[in-house]
mmCIF file of all heavy atoms, coordinates in Angstrom:
data_MODEL
# 
_entry.id   MODEL 
# 
loop_
_atom_site.group_PDB 
_atom_site.id 
_atom_site.type_symbol 
_atom_site.label_atom_id 
_atom_site.label_alt_id 
_atom_site.label_comp_id 
_atom_site.label_asym_id 
_atom_site.label_entity_id 
_atom_site.label_seq_id 
_atom_site.pdbx_PDB_ins_code 
_atom_site.Cartn_x 
_atom_site.Cartn_y 
_atom_site.Cartn_z 
_atom_site.occupancy 
_atom_site.B_iso_or_equiv 
_atom_site.pdbx_formal_charge 
_atom_site.auth_seq_id 
_atom_site.auth_comp_id 
_atom_site.auth_asym_id 
_atom_site.auth_atom_id 
_atom_site.pdbx_PDB_model_num 
ATOM 1   N N   . ASN A 1 1  ? 15.290 4.687   -3.798 1.00 0.00 ? 1  ASN A N   1 
ATOM 2   C CA  . ASN A 1 1  ? 16.593 5.368   -3.708 1.00 0.00 ? 1  ASN A CA  1 
ATOM 3   C C   . ASN A 1 1  ? 16.506 6.835   -4.205 1.00 0.00 ? 1  ASN A C   1 
ATOM 4   O O   . ASN A 1 1  ? 17.187 7.717   -3.641 1.00 0.00 ? 1  ASN A O   1 
ATOM 5   C CB  . ASN A 1 1  ? 17.598 4.628   -4.594 1.00 0.00 ? 1  ASN A CB  1 
ATOM 6   C CG  . ASN A 1 1  ? 18.036 3.285   -3.987 1.00 0.00 ? 1  ASN A CG  1 
ATOM 7   O OD1 . ASN A 1 1  ? 18.113 3.202   -2.737 1.00 0.00 ? 1  ASN A OD1 1 
ATOM 8   N ND2 . ASN A 1 1  ? 18.344 2.336   -4.807 1.00 0.00 ? 1  ASN A ND2 1 
ATOM 9   N N   . ALA A 1 2  ? 15.629 7.124   -5.201 1.00 0.00 ? 2  ALA A N   1 
ATOM 10  C CA  . ALA A 1 2  ? 15.428 8.473   -5.649 1.00 0.00 ? 2  ALA A CA  1 
ATOM 11  C C   . ALA A 1 2  ? 14.882 9.372   -4.485 1.00 0.00 ? 2  ALA A C   1 
ATOM 12  O O   . ALA A 1 2  ? 15.303 10.485  -4.326 1.00 0.00 ? 2  ALA A O   1 
ATOM 13  C CB  . ALA A 1 2  ? 14.498 8.523   -6.822 1.00 0.00 ? 2  ALA A CB  1 
ATOM 14  N N   . LEU A 1 3  ? 13.980 8.795   -3.731 1.00 0.00 ? 3  LEU A N   1 
ATOM 15  C CA  . LEU A 1 3  ? 13.409 9.482   -2.593 1.00 0.00 ? 3  LEU A CA  1 
ATOM 16  C C   . LEU A 1 3  ? 14.402 9.798   -1.521 1.00 0.00 ? 3  LEU A C   1 
ATOM 17  O O   . LEU A 1 3  ? 14.469 10.873  -0.935 1.00 0.00 ? 3  LEU A O   1 
ATOM 18  C CB  . LEU A 1 3  ? 12.179 8.712   -2.019 1.00 0.00 ? 3  LEU A CB  1 
ATOM 19  C CG  . LEU A 1 3  ? 11.301 9.434   -0.993 1.00 0.00 ? 3  LEU A CG  1 
ATOM 20  C CD1 . LEU A 1 3  ? 10.719 10.704  -1.576 1.00 0.00 ? 3  LEU A CD1 1 
ATOM 21  C CD2 . LEU A 1 3  ? 10.183 8.496   -0.587 1.00 0.00 ? 3  LEU A CD2 1 
ATOM 22  N N   . LYS A 1 4  ? 15.269 8.788   -1.232 1.00 0.00 ? 4  LYS A N   1 
ATOM 23  C CA  . LYS A 1 4  ? 16.311 8.945   -0.281 1.00 0.00 ? 4  LYS A CA  1 
ATOM 24  C C   . LYS A 1 4  ? 17.248 10.117  -0.674 1.00 0.00 ? 4  LYS A C   1 
ATOM 25  O O   . LYS A 1 4  ? 17.618 10.932  0.107  1.00 0.00 ? 4  LYS A O   1 
ATOM 26  C CB  . LYS A 1 4  ? 17.143 7.698   -0.142 1.00 0.00 ? 4  LYS A CB  1 
ATOM 27  C CG  . LYS A 1 4  ? 16.426 6.533   0.474  1.00 0.00 ? 4  LYS A CG  1 
ATOM 28  C CD  . LYS A 1 4  ? 17.371 5.296   0.463  1.00 0.00 ? 4  LYS A CD  1 
ATOM 29  C CE  . LYS A 1 4  ? 16.701 4.017   0.903  1.00 0.00 ? 4  LYS A CE  1 
ATOM 30  N NZ  . LYS A 1 4  ? 17.612 2.867   0.826  1.00 0.00 ? 4  LYS A NZ  1 
ATOM 31  N N   . SER A 1 5  ? 17.581 10.117  -1.999 1.00 0.00 ? 5  SER A N   1 
ATOM 32  C CA  . SER A 1 5  ? 18.521 11.147  -2.504 1.00 0.00 ? 5  SER A CA  1 
ATOM 33  C C   . SER A 1 5  ? 17.938 12.542  -2.428 1.00 0.00 ? 5  SER A C   1 
ATOM 34  O O   . SER A 1 5  ? 18.636 13.529  -2.202 1.00 0.00 ? 5  SER A O   1 
ATOM 35  C CB  . SER A 1 5  ? 18.858 10.854  -3.964 1.00 0.00 ? 5  SER A CB  1 
ATOM 36  O OG  . SER A 1 5  ? 19.569 9.585   -4.018 1.00 0.00 ? 5  SER A OG  1 
ATOM 37  N N   . ALA A 1 6  ? 16.616 12.632  -2.562 1.00 0.00 ? 6  ALA A N   1 
ATOM 38  C CA  . ALA A 1 6  ? 15.962 13.966  -2.582 1.00 0.00 ? 6  ALA A CA  1 
ATOM 39  C C   . ALA A 1 6  ? 15.798 14.535  -1.176 1.00 0.00 ? 6  ALA A C   1 
ATOM 40  O O   . ALA A 1 6  ? 15.777 15.750  -0.981 1.00 0.00 ? 6  ALA A O   1 
ATOM 41  C CB  . ALA A 1 6  ? 14.559 13.838  -3.217 1.00 0.00 ? 6  ALA A CB  1 
ATOM 42  N N   . ALA A 1 7  ? 15.741 13.654  -0.158 1.00 0.00 ? 7  ALA A N   1 
ATOM 43  C CA  . ALA A 1 7  ? 15.470 14.144  1.236  1.00 0.00 ? 7  ALA A CA  1 
ATOM 44  C C   . ALA A 1 7  ? 16.660 14.896  1.806  1.00 0.00 ? 7  ALA A C   1 
ATOM 45  O O   . ALA A 1 7  ? 17.794 14.745  1.428  1.00 0.00 ? 7  ALA A O   1 
ATOM 46  C CB  . ALA A 1 7  ? 15.170 12.928  2.119  1.00 0.00 ? 7  ALA A CB  1 
ATOM 47  N N   . THR A 1 8  ? 16.343 15.768  2.810  1.00 0.00 ? 8  THR A N   1 
ATOM 48  C CA  . THR A 1 8  ? 17.411 16.407  3.586  1.00 0.00 ? 8  THR A CA  1 
ATOM 49  C C   . THR A 1 8  ? 18.152 15.325  4.351  1.00 0.00 ? 8  THR A C   1 
ATOM 50  O O   . THR A 1 8  ? 19.353 15.354  4.483  1.00 0.00 ? 8  THR A O   1 
ATOM 51  C CB  . THR A 1 8  ? 16.834 17.457  4.525  1.00 0.00 ? 8  THR A CB  1 
ATOM 52  O OG1 . THR A 1 8  ? 16.046 18.368  3.797  1.00 0.00 ? 8  THR A OG1 1 
ATOM 53  C CG2 . THR A 1 8  ? 17.936 18.205  5.245  1.00 0.00 ? 8  THR A CG2 1 
ATOM 54  N N   . SER A 1 9  ? 17.324 14.437  4.938  1.00 0.00 ? 9  SER A N   1 
ATOM 55  C CA  . SER A 1 9  ? 17.859 13.267  5.655  1.00 0.00 ? 9  SER A CA  1 
ATOM 56  C C   . SER A 1 9  ? 16.802 12.181  5.613  1.00 0.00 ? 9  SER A C   1 
ATOM 57  O O   . SER A 1 9  ? 15.641 12.427  5.426  1.00 0.00 ? 9  SER A O   1 
ATOM 58  C CB  . SER A 1 9  ? 18.270 13.577  7.080  1.00 0.00 ? 9  SER A CB  1 
ATOM 59  O OG  . SER A 1 9  ? 17.177 14.036  7.829  1.00 0.00 ? 9  SER A OG  1 
ATOM 60  N N   . TYR A 1 10 ? 17.251 10.902  5.837  1.00 0.00 ? 10 TYR A N   1 
ATOM 61  C CA  . TYR A 1 10 ? 16.264 9.834   5.764  1.00 0.00 ? 10 TYR A CA  1 
ATOM 62  C C   . TYR A 1 10 ? 16.643 8.776   6.828  1.00 0.00 ? 10 TYR A C   1 
ATOM 63  O O   . TYR A 1 10 ? 17.773 8.671   7.228  1.00 0.00 ? 10 TYR A O   1 
ATOM 64  C CB  . TYR A 1 10 ? 16.138 9.219   4.367  1.00 0.00 ? 10 TYR A CB  1 
ATOM 65  C CG  . TYR A 1 10 ? 17.328 8.443   3.935  1.00 0.00 ? 10 TYR A CG  1 
ATOM 66  C CD1 . TYR A 1 10 ? 17.486 7.084   4.251  1.00 0.00 ? 10 TYR A CD1 1 
ATOM 67  C CD2 . TYR A 1 10 ? 18.344 9.064   3.165  1.00 0.00 ? 10 TYR A CD2 1 
ATOM 68  C CE1 . TYR A 1 10 ? 18.569 6.375   3.842  1.00 0.00 ? 10 TYR A CE1 1 
ATOM 69  C CE2 . TYR A 1 10 ? 19.451 8.330   2.746  1.00 0.00 ? 10 TYR A CE2 1 
ATOM 70  C CZ  . TYR A 1 10 ? 19.579 7.002   3.067  1.00 0.00 ? 10 TYR A CZ  1 
ATOM 71  O OH  . TYR A 1 10 ? 20.679 6.280   2.682  1.00 0.00 ? 10 TYR A OH  1 
ATOM 72  N N   . VAL A 1 11 ? 15.626 8.002   7.214  1.00 0.00 ? 11 VAL A N   1 
ATOM 73  C CA  . VAL A 1 11 ? 15.822 6.930   8.209  1.00 0.00 ? 11 VAL A CA  1 
ATOM 74  C C   . VAL A 1 11 ? 15.138 5.684   7.667  1.00 0.00 ? 11 VAL A C   1 
ATOM 75  O O   . VAL A 1 11 ? 13.985 5.733   7.365  1.00 0.00 ? 11 VAL A O   1 
ATOM 76  C CB  . VAL A 1 11 ? 15.275 7.295   9.568  1.00 0.00 ? 11 VAL A CB  1 
ATOM 77  C CG1 . VAL A 1 11 ? 15.474 6.143   10.548 1.00 0.00 ? 11 VAL A CG1 1 
ATOM 78  C CG2 . VAL A 1 11 ? 15.848 8.610   10.062 1.00 0.00 ? 11 VAL A CG2 1 
ATOM 79  N N   . GLU A 1 12 ? 15.863 4.580   7.570  1.00 0.00 ? 12 GLU A N   1 
ATOM 80  C CA  . GLU A 1 12 ? 15.275 3.308   7.240  1.00 0.00 ? 12 GLU A CA  1 
ATOM 81  C C   . GLU A 1 12 ? 14.733 2.607   8.500  1.00 0.00 ? 12 GLU A C   1 
ATOM 82  O O   . GLU A 1 12 ? 15.396 2.493   9.511  1.00 0.00 ? 12 GLU A O   1 
ATOM 83  C CB  . GLU A 1 12 ? 16.275 2.393   6.509  1.00 0.00 ? 12 GLU A CB  1 
ATOM 84  C CG  . GLU A 1 12 ? 16.685 2.907   5.149  1.00 0.00 ? 12 GLU A CG  1 
ATOM 85  C CD  . GLU A 1 12 ? 17.544 1.915   4.374  1.00 0.00 ? 12 GLU A CD  1 
ATOM 86  O OE1 . GLU A 1 12 ? 18.533 1.406   4.967  1.00 0.00 ? 12 GLU A OE1 1 
ATOM 87  O OE2 . GLU A 1 12 ? 17.261 1.700   3.213  1.00 0.00 ? 12 GLU A OE2 1 
ATOM 88  N N   . MET A 1 13 ? 13.486 2.164   8.347  1.00 0.00 ? 13 MET A N   1 
ATOM 89  C CA  . MET A 1 13 ? 12.835 1.487   9.483  1.00 0.00 ? 13 MET A CA  1 
ATOM 90  C C   . MET A 1 13 ? 12.507 0.046   9.085  1.00 0.00 ? 13 MET A C   1 
ATOM 91  O O   . MET A 1 13 ? 12.241 -0.235  7.884  1.00 0.00 ? 13 MET A O   1 
ATOM 92  C CB  . MET A 1 13 ? 11.548 2.241   9.786  1.00 0.00 ? 13 MET A CB  1 
ATOM 93  C CG  . MET A 1 13 ? 11.791 3.678   10.249 1.00 0.00 ? 13 MET A CG  1 
ATOM 94  S SD  . MET A 1 13 ? 12.388 3.770   11.973 1.00 0.00 ? 13 MET A SD  1 
ATOM 95  C CE  . MET A 1 13 ? 10.865 3.514   12.886 1.00 0.00 ? 13 MET A CE  1 
ATOM 96  N N   . PRO A 1 14 ? 12.412 -0.915  10.044 1.00 0.00 ? 14 PRO A N   1 
ATOM 97  C CA  . PRO A 1 14 ? 12.769 -0.660  11.461 1.00 0.00 ? 14 PRO A CA  1 
ATOM 98  C C   . PRO A 1 14 ? 14.235 -0.543  11.658 1.00 0.00 ? 14 PRO A C   1 
ATOM 99  O O   . PRO A 1 14 ? 15.064 -1.060  10.835 1.00 0.00 ? 14 PRO A O   1 
ATOM 100 C CB  . PRO A 1 14 ? 12.251 -1.917  12.153 1.00 0.00 ? 14 PRO A CB  1 
ATOM 101 C CG  . PRO A 1 14 ? 12.348 -2.945  11.124 1.00 0.00 ? 14 PRO A CG  1 
ATOM 102 C CD  . PRO A 1 14 ? 12.046 -2.312  9.805  1.00 0.00 ? 14 PRO A CD  1 
ATOM 103 N N   . ARG A 1 15 ? 14.666 0.170   12.678 1.00 0.00 ? 15 ARG A N   1 
ATOM 104 C CA  . ARG A 1 15 ? 16.050 0.190   12.998 1.00 0.00 ? 15 ARG A CA  1 
ATOM 105 C C   . ARG A 1 15 ? 16.541 -1.221  13.391 1.00 0.00 ? 15 ARG A C   1 
ATOM 106 O O   . ARG A 1 15 ? 15.691 -1.997  13.835 1.00 0.00 ? 15 ARG A O   1 
ATOM 107 C CB  . ARG A 1 15 ? 16.295 1.192   14.189 1.00 0.00 ? 15 ARG A CB  1 
ATOM 108 C CG  . ARG A 1 15 ? 15.873 2.608   13.874 1.00 0.00 ? 15 ARG A CG  1 
ATOM 109 C CD  . ARG A 1 15 ? 16.194 3.464   15.096 1.00 0.00 ? 15 ARG A CD  1 
ATOM 110 N NE  . ARG A 1 15 ? 15.589 4.772   14.994 1.00 0.00 ? 15 ARG A NE  1 
ATOM 111 C CZ  . ARG A 1 15 ? 16.118 5.772   14.312 1.00 0.00 ? 15 ARG A CZ  1 
ATOM 112 N NH1 . ARG A 1 15 ? 17.244 5.620   13.669 1.00 0.00 ? 15 ARG A NH1 1 
ATOM 113 N NH2 . ARG A 1 15 ? 15.505 6.977   14.296 1.00 0.00 ? 15 ARG A NH2 1 
ATOM 114 N N   . GLN A 1 16 ? 17.782 -1.508  13.208 1.00 0.00 ? 16 GLN A N   1 
ATOM 115 C CA  . GLN A 1 16 ? 18.285 -2.817  13.457 1.00 0.00 ? 16 GLN A CA  1 
ATOM 116 C C   . GLN A 1 16 ? 17.954 -3.285  14.896 1.00 0.00 ? 16 GLN A C   1 
ATOM 117 O O   . GLN A 1 16 ? 17.639 -4.419  15.155 1.00 0.00 ? 16 GLN A O   1 
ATOM 118 C CB  . GLN A 1 16 ? 19.749 -2.897  13.169 1.00 0.00 ? 16 GLN A CB  1 
ATOM 119 C CG  . GLN A 1 16 ? 20.142 -2.847  11.752 1.00 0.00 ? 16 GLN A CG  1 
ATOM 120 C CD  . GLN A 1 16 ? 21.626 -3.079  11.513 1.00 0.00 ? 16 GLN A CD  1 
ATOM 121 O OE1 . GLN A 1 16 ? 22.455 -2.987  12.414 1.00 0.00 ? 16 GLN A OE1 1 
ATOM 122 N NE2 . GLN A 1 16 ? 21.984 -3.301  10.226 1.00 0.00 ? 16 GLN A NE2 1 
ATOM 123 N N   . GLU A 1 17 ? 18.076 -2.362  15.885 1.00 0.00 ? 17 GLU A N   1 
ATOM 124 C CA  . GLU A 1 17 ? 17.790 -2.736  17.247 1.00 0.00 ? 17 GLU A CA  1 
ATOM 125 C C   . GLU A 1 17 ? 16.345 -3.108  17.421 1.00 0.00 ? 17 GLU A C   1 
ATOM 126 O O   . GLU A 1 17 ? 16.005 -4.078  18.175 1.00 0.00 ? 17 GLU A O   1 
ATOM 127 C CB  . GLU A 1 17 ? 18.153 -1.588  18.202 1.00 0.00 ? 17 GLU A CB  1 
ATOM 128 C CG  . GLU A 1 17 ? 17.949 -1.914  19.637 1.00 0.00 ? 17 GLU A CG  1 
ATOM 129 C CD  . GLU A 1 17 ? 18.294 -0.732  20.592 1.00 0.00 ? 17 GLU A CD  1 
ATOM 130 O OE1 . GLU A 1 17 ? 18.740 0.299   20.070 1.00 0.00 ? 17 GLU A OE1 1 
ATOM 131 O OE2 . GLU A 1 17 ? 18.133 -0.864  21.787 1.00 0.00 ? 17 GLU A OE2 1 
ATOM 132 N N   . GLN A 1 18 ? 15.400 -2.388  16.733 1.00 0.00 ? 18 GLN A N   1 
ATOM 133 C CA  . GLN A 1 18 ? 14.009 -2.689  16.895 1.00 0.00 ? 18 GLN A CA  1 
ATOM 134 C C   . GLN A 1 18 ? 13.694 -4.093  16.282 1.00 0.00 ? 18 GLN A C   1 
ATOM 135 O O   . GLN A 1 18 ? 12.909 -4.836  16.870 1.00 0.00 ? 18 GLN A O   1 
ATOM 136 C CB  . GLN A 1 18 ? 13.198 -1.630  16.165 1.00 0.00 ? 18 GLN A CB  1 
ATOM 137 C CG  . GLN A 1 18 ? 13.240 -0.277  16.756 1.00 0.00 ? 18 GLN A CG  1 
ATOM 138 C CD  . GLN A 1 18 ? 12.610 0.829   15.901 1.00 0.00 ? 18 GLN A CD  1 
ATOM 139 O OE1 . GLN A 1 18 ? 12.747 0.801   14.698 1.00 0.00 ? 18 GLN A OE1 1 
ATOM 140 N NE2 . GLN A 1 18 ? 11.887 1.742   16.548 1.00 0.00 ? 18 GLN A NE2 1 
ATOM 141 N N   . GLU A 1 19 ? 14.274 -4.374  15.163 1.00 0.00 ? 19 GLU A N   1 
ATOM 142 C CA  . GLU A 1 19 ? 14.073 -5.696  14.566 1.00 0.00 ? 19 GLU A CA  1 
ATOM 143 C C   . GLU A 1 19 ? 14.617 -6.779  15.445 1.00 0.00 ? 19 GLU A C   1 
ATOM 144 O O   . GLU A 1 19 ? 14.000 -7.861  15.616 1.00 0.00 ? 19 GLU A O   1 
ATOM 145 C CB  . GLU A 1 19 ? 14.673 -5.743  13.138 1.00 0.00 ? 19 GLU A CB  1 
ATOM 146 C CG  . GLU A 1 19 ? 14.300 -7.013  12.399 1.00 0.00 ? 19 GLU A CG  1 
ATOM 147 C CD  . GLU A 1 19 ? 14.756 -7.007  10.951 1.00 0.00 ? 19 GLU A CD  1 
ATOM 148 O OE1 . GLU A 1 19 ? 15.453 -6.043  10.546 1.00 0.00 ? 19 GLU A OE1 1 
ATOM 149 O OE2 . GLU A 1 19 ? 14.454 -7.952  10.205 1.00 0.00 ? 19 GLU A OE2 1 
ATOM 150 N N   . ARG A 1 20 ? 15.809 -6.586  15.949 1.00 0.00 ? 20 ARG A N   1 
ATOM 151 C CA  . ARG A 1 20 ? 16.444 -7.569  16.846 1.00 0.00 ? 20 ARG A CA  1 
ATOM 152 C C   . ARG A 1 20 ? 15.569 -7.805  18.087 1.00 0.00 ? 20 ARG A C   1 
ATOM 153 O O   . ARG A 1 20 ? 15.345 -8.956  18.455 1.00 0.00 ? 20 ARG A O   1 
ATOM 154 C CB  . ARG A 1 20 ? 17.846 -7.109  17.203 1.00 0.00 ? 20 ARG A CB  1 
ATOM 155 C CG  . ARG A 1 20 ? 18.561 -8.145  18.110 1.00 0.00 ? 20 ARG A CG  1 
ATOM 156 C CD  . ARG A 1 20 ? 20.026 -7.754  18.330 1.00 0.00 ? 20 ARG A CD  1 
ATOM 157 N NE  . ARG A 1 20 ? 20.158 -6.489  19.034 1.00 0.00 ? 20 ARG A NE  1 
ATOM 158 C CZ  . ARG A 1 20 ? 20.621 -5.337  18.476 1.00 0.00 ? 20 ARG A CZ  1 
ATOM 159 N NH1 . ARG A 1 20 ? 20.950 -5.355  17.210 1.00 0.00 ? 20 ARG A NH1 1 
ATOM 160 N NH2 . ARG A 1 20 ? 20.683 -4.239  19.164 1.00 0.00 ? 20 ARG A NH2 1 
ATOM 161 N N   . ASN A 1 21 ? 15.091 -6.728  18.682 1.00 0.00 ? 21 ASN A N   1 
ATOM 162 C CA  . ASN A 1 21 ? 14.250 -6.883  19.876 1.00 0.00 ? 21 ASN A CA  1 
ATOM 163 C C   . ASN A 1 21 ? 12.934 -7.636  19.560 1.00 0.00 ? 21 ASN A C   1 
ATOM 164 O O   . ASN A 1 21 ? 12.427 -8.389  20.397 1.00 0.00 ? 21 ASN A O   1 
ATOM 165 C CB  . ASN A 1 21 ? 13.916 -5.478  20.454 1.00 0.00 ? 21 ASN A CB  1 
ATOM 166 C CG  . ASN A 1 21 ? 15.114 -4.847  21.073 1.00 0.00 ? 21 ASN A CG  1 
ATOM 167 O OD1 . ASN A 1 21 ? 16.091 -5.491  21.386 1.00 0.00 ? 21 ASN A OD1 1 
ATOM 168 N ND2 . ASN A 1 21 ? 15.026 -3.527  21.272 1.00 0.00 ? 21 ASN A ND2 1 
ATOM 169 N N   . HIS A 1 22 ? 12.401 -7.382  18.372 1.00 0.00 ? 22 HIS A N   1 
ATOM 170 C CA  . HIS A 1 22 ? 11.202 -8.088  17.930 1.00 0.00 ? 22 HIS A CA  1 
ATOM 171 C C   . HIS A 1 22 ? 11.437 -9.570  17.889 1.00 0.00 ? 22 HIS A C   1 
ATOM 172 O O   . HIS A 1 22 ? 10.584 -10.377 18.411 1.00 0.00 ? 22 HIS A O   1 
ATOM 173 C CB  . HIS A 1 22 ? 10.731 -7.543  16.518 1.00 0.00 ? 22 HIS A CB  1 
ATOM 174 C CG  . HIS A 1 22 ? 9.666  -8.358  15.928 1.00 0.00 ? 22 HIS A CG  1 
ATOM 175 N ND1 . HIS A 1 22 ? 8.387  -8.343  16.437 1.00 0.00 ? 22 HIS A ND1 1 
ATOM 176 C CD2 . HIS A 1 22 ? 9.625  -9.163  14.814 1.00 0.00 ? 22 HIS A CD2 1 
ATOM 177 C CE1 . HIS A 1 22 ? 7.598  -9.111  15.663 1.00 0.00 ? 22 HIS A CE1 1 
ATOM 178 N NE2 . HIS A 1 22 ? 8.353  -9.612  14.719 1.00 0.00 ? 22 HIS A NE2 1 
ATOM 179 N N   . TYR A 1 23 ? 12.499 -9.996  17.250 1.00 0.00 ? 23 TYR A N   1 
ATOM 180 C CA  . TYR A 1 23 ? 12.770 -11.396 17.157 1.00 0.00 ? 23 TYR A CA  1 
ATOM 181 C C   . TYR A 1 23 ? 13.118 -12.050 18.527 1.00 0.00 ? 23 TYR A C   1 
ATOM 182 O O   . TYR A 1 23 ? 12.772 -13.179 18.848 1.00 0.00 ? 23 TYR A O   1 
ATOM 183 C CB  . TYR A 1 23 ? 13.868 -11.699 16.137 1.00 0.00 ? 23 TYR A CB  1 
ATOM 184 C CG  . TYR A 1 23 ? 13.317 -11.719 14.691 1.00 0.00 ? 23 TYR A CG  1 
ATOM 185 C CD1 . TYR A 1 23 ? 13.333 -10.535 13.960 1.00 0.00 ? 23 TYR A CD1 1 
ATOM 186 C CD2 . TYR A 1 23 ? 12.702 -12.837 14.230 1.00 0.00 ? 23 TYR A CD2 1 
ATOM 187 C CE1 . TYR A 1 23 ? 12.771 -10.521 12.686 1.00 0.00 ? 23 TYR A CE1 1 
ATOM 188 C CE2 . TYR A 1 23 ? 12.138 -12.830 12.933 1.00 0.00 ? 23 TYR A CE2 1 
ATOM 189 C CZ  . TYR A 1 23 ? 12.216 -11.655 12.175 1.00 0.00 ? 23 TYR A CZ  1 
ATOM 190 O OH  . TYR A 1 23 ? 11.635 -11.634 10.921 1.00 0.00 ? 23 TYR A OH  1 
ATOM 191 N N   . ASN A 1 24 ? 13.830 -11.271 19.363 1.00 0.00 ? 24 ASN A N   1 
ATOM 192 C CA  . ASN A 1 24 ? 14.102 -11.726 20.729 1.00 0.00 ? 24 ASN A CA  1 
ATOM 193 C C   . ASN A 1 24 ? 12.782 -12.037 21.462 1.00 0.00 ? 24 ASN A C   1 
ATOM 194 O O   . ASN A 1 24 ? 12.664 -13.049 22.157 1.00 0.00 ? 24 ASN A O   1 
ATOM 195 C CB  . ASN A 1 24 ? 14.915 -10.672 21.497 1.00 0.00 ? 24 ASN A CB  1 
ATOM 196 C CG  . ASN A 1 24 ? 16.351 -10.624 21.080 1.00 0.00 ? 24 ASN A CG  1 
ATOM 197 O OD1 . ASN A 1 24 ? 16.839 -11.460 20.323 1.00 0.00 ? 24 ASN A OD1 1 
ATOM 198 N ND2 . ASN A 1 24 ? 17.080 -9.587  21.500 1.00 0.00 ? 24 ASN A ND2 1 
# 
């Protein structure tokens, strides 16, 4: 969380669509 706060912007991976496609 500290790293997220320090960033200009952040992205959590995998994106929900990527994880959903993986299980599909």
